[in-house]
């Protein structure tokens, strides 16, 4: 099974990188490394995570972010990587 990161999720990752890189040089790179490690872990347990707003949600280990994804027979589709500190209504609208 393959993992496919949709363009919208890639944009989320870039936004997170930029935010954390502004906080401290190198923190953005650490953010990406951490989130990609979390995404790679989906290969071990796809579909195991609880469903929120119609998507499986994996909480990132080191940052307050959630990885929203779906699973089909051929691939794990990462749809969004969102900051958990957002208004849940905004997250819900984004995932529809």
Protein backbone atom coordinates (compact mmCIF):
# COMPACT_ATOMS: atom_id res chain seq x y z
CA UNK A 1 0.00 0.00 0.00
CA UNK A 2 1.23 3.50 -0.81
CA UNK A 3 0.80 6.80 0.95
CA UNK A 4 -0.31 9.71 -1.20
CA UNK A 5 -0.18 13.23 0.23
CA UNK A 6 -2.74 15.39 -1.52
CA UNK A 7 -1.84 18.92 -2.62
CA UNK A 8 -4.01 20.44 0.10
CA UNK A 9 -2.07 18.50 2.78
CA UNK A 10 1.23 19.51 1.18
CA UNK A 11 0.13 23.15 1.46
CA UNK A 12 -0.70 22.55 5.14
CA UNK A 13 2.78 21.11 5.74
CA UNK A 14 4.43 24.07 4.01
CA UNK A 15 2.38 26.48 6.11
CA UNK A 16 3.40 24.69 9.31
CA UNK A 17 7.03 24.69 8.22
CA UNK A 18 6.96 28.44 7.59
CA UNK A 19 5.28 29.15 10.93
CA UNK A 20 7.76 27.12 12.97
CA UNK A 21 10.76 28.31 10.99
CA UNK A 22 9.80 31.90 11.90
CA UNK A 23 9.74 30.89 15.57
CA UNK A 24 13.28 29.49 15.51
CA UNK A 25 15.68 28.62 12.69
CA UNK A 26 15.63 24.87 12.12
CA UNK A 27 12.35 24.28 13.93
CA UNK A 28 10.48 24.17 10.62
CA UNK A 29 12.71 21.36 9.41
CA UNK A 30 12.17 19.49 12.68
CA UNK A 31 8.41 19.99 12.23
CA UNK A 32 8.51 18.44 8.75
CA UNK A 33 10.72 15.54 9.87
CA UNK A 34 8.36 14.82 12.76
CA UNK A 35 5.18 15.03 10.69
CA UNK A 36 6.61 12.86 7.88
CA UNK A 37 7.59 10.25 10.49
CA UNK A 38 4.01 10.29 11.77
CA UNK A 39 2.66 9.99 8.22
CA UNK A 40 5.05 7.09 7.50
CA UNK A 41 3.68 5.30 10.59
CA UNK A 42 0.36 4.98 8.74
CA UNK A 43 1.92 2.12 6.77
CA UNK A 44 1.85 0.03 9.94
CA UNK A 45 -1.70 0.82 11.03
CA UNK A 46 -3.85 2.33 8.28
CA UNK A 47 -7.44 2.92 9.33
CA UNK A 48 -6.76 2.20 13.00
CA UNK A 49 -7.34 5.79 14.12
CA UNK A 50 -10.69 7.22 15.17
CA UNK A 51 -12.85 9.02 12.63
CA UNK A 52 -13.48 12.75 12.99
CA UNK A 53 -15.32 14.86 10.42
CA UNK A 54 -15.51 11.83 8.11
CA UNK A 55 -11.74 11.16 8.02
CA UNK A 56 -9.38 9.08 10.13
CA UNK A 57 -7.36 11.31 12.44
CA UNK A 58 -3.81 10.63 13.58
CA UNK A 59 -2.53 13.03 16.22
CA UNK A 60 1.07 14.06 15.64
CA UNK A 61 3.45 13.04 18.40
CA UNK A 62 5.54 16.22 18.77
CA UNK A 63 3.38 19.08 17.51
CA UNK A 64 -0.28 20.03 18.08
CA UNK A 65 -1.30 18.87 14.62
CA UNK A 66 -3.65 16.20 13.31
CA UNK A 67 -3.21 14.22 10.12
CA UNK A 68 -6.54 13.51 8.43
CA UNK A 69 -6.59 10.63 5.96
CA UNK A 70 -8.71 8.04 4.17
CA UNK A 71 -7.86 4.48 3.18
CA UNK A 72 -8.85 2.61 0.06
CA UNK A 73 -7.60 -0.67 -1.38
CA UNK A 74 -4.64 0.90 -3.14
CA UNK A 75 -3.51 3.84 -1.04
CA UNK A 76 -3.62 5.90 2.11
CA UNK A 77 -4.68 9.41 1.10
CA UNK A 78 -3.51 12.19 3.41
CA UNK A 79 -6.13 14.90 2.93
CA UNK A 80 -5.09 17.52 5.49
CA UNK A 81 -2.54 18.27 8.20
CA UNK A 82 -4.21 20.76 10.51
CA UNK A 83 -3.33 22.62 13.68
CA UNK A 84 -5.50 21.23 16.50
CA UNK A 85 -5.68 24.67 18.10
CA UNK A 86 -8.08 25.87 15.38
CA UNK A 87 -11.80 26.25 15.84
CA UNK A 88 -13.38 22.80 15.27
CA UNK A 89 -15.94 24.44 12.98
CA UNK A 90 -13.15 25.63 10.71
CA UNK A 91 -11.64 22.14 10.64
CA UNK A 92 -15.03 20.62 9.83
CA UNK A 93 -15.57 23.01 6.90
CA UNK A 94 -12.09 22.31 5.59
CA UNK A 95 -12.60 18.55 5.59
CA UNK A 96 -15.96 18.59 3.79
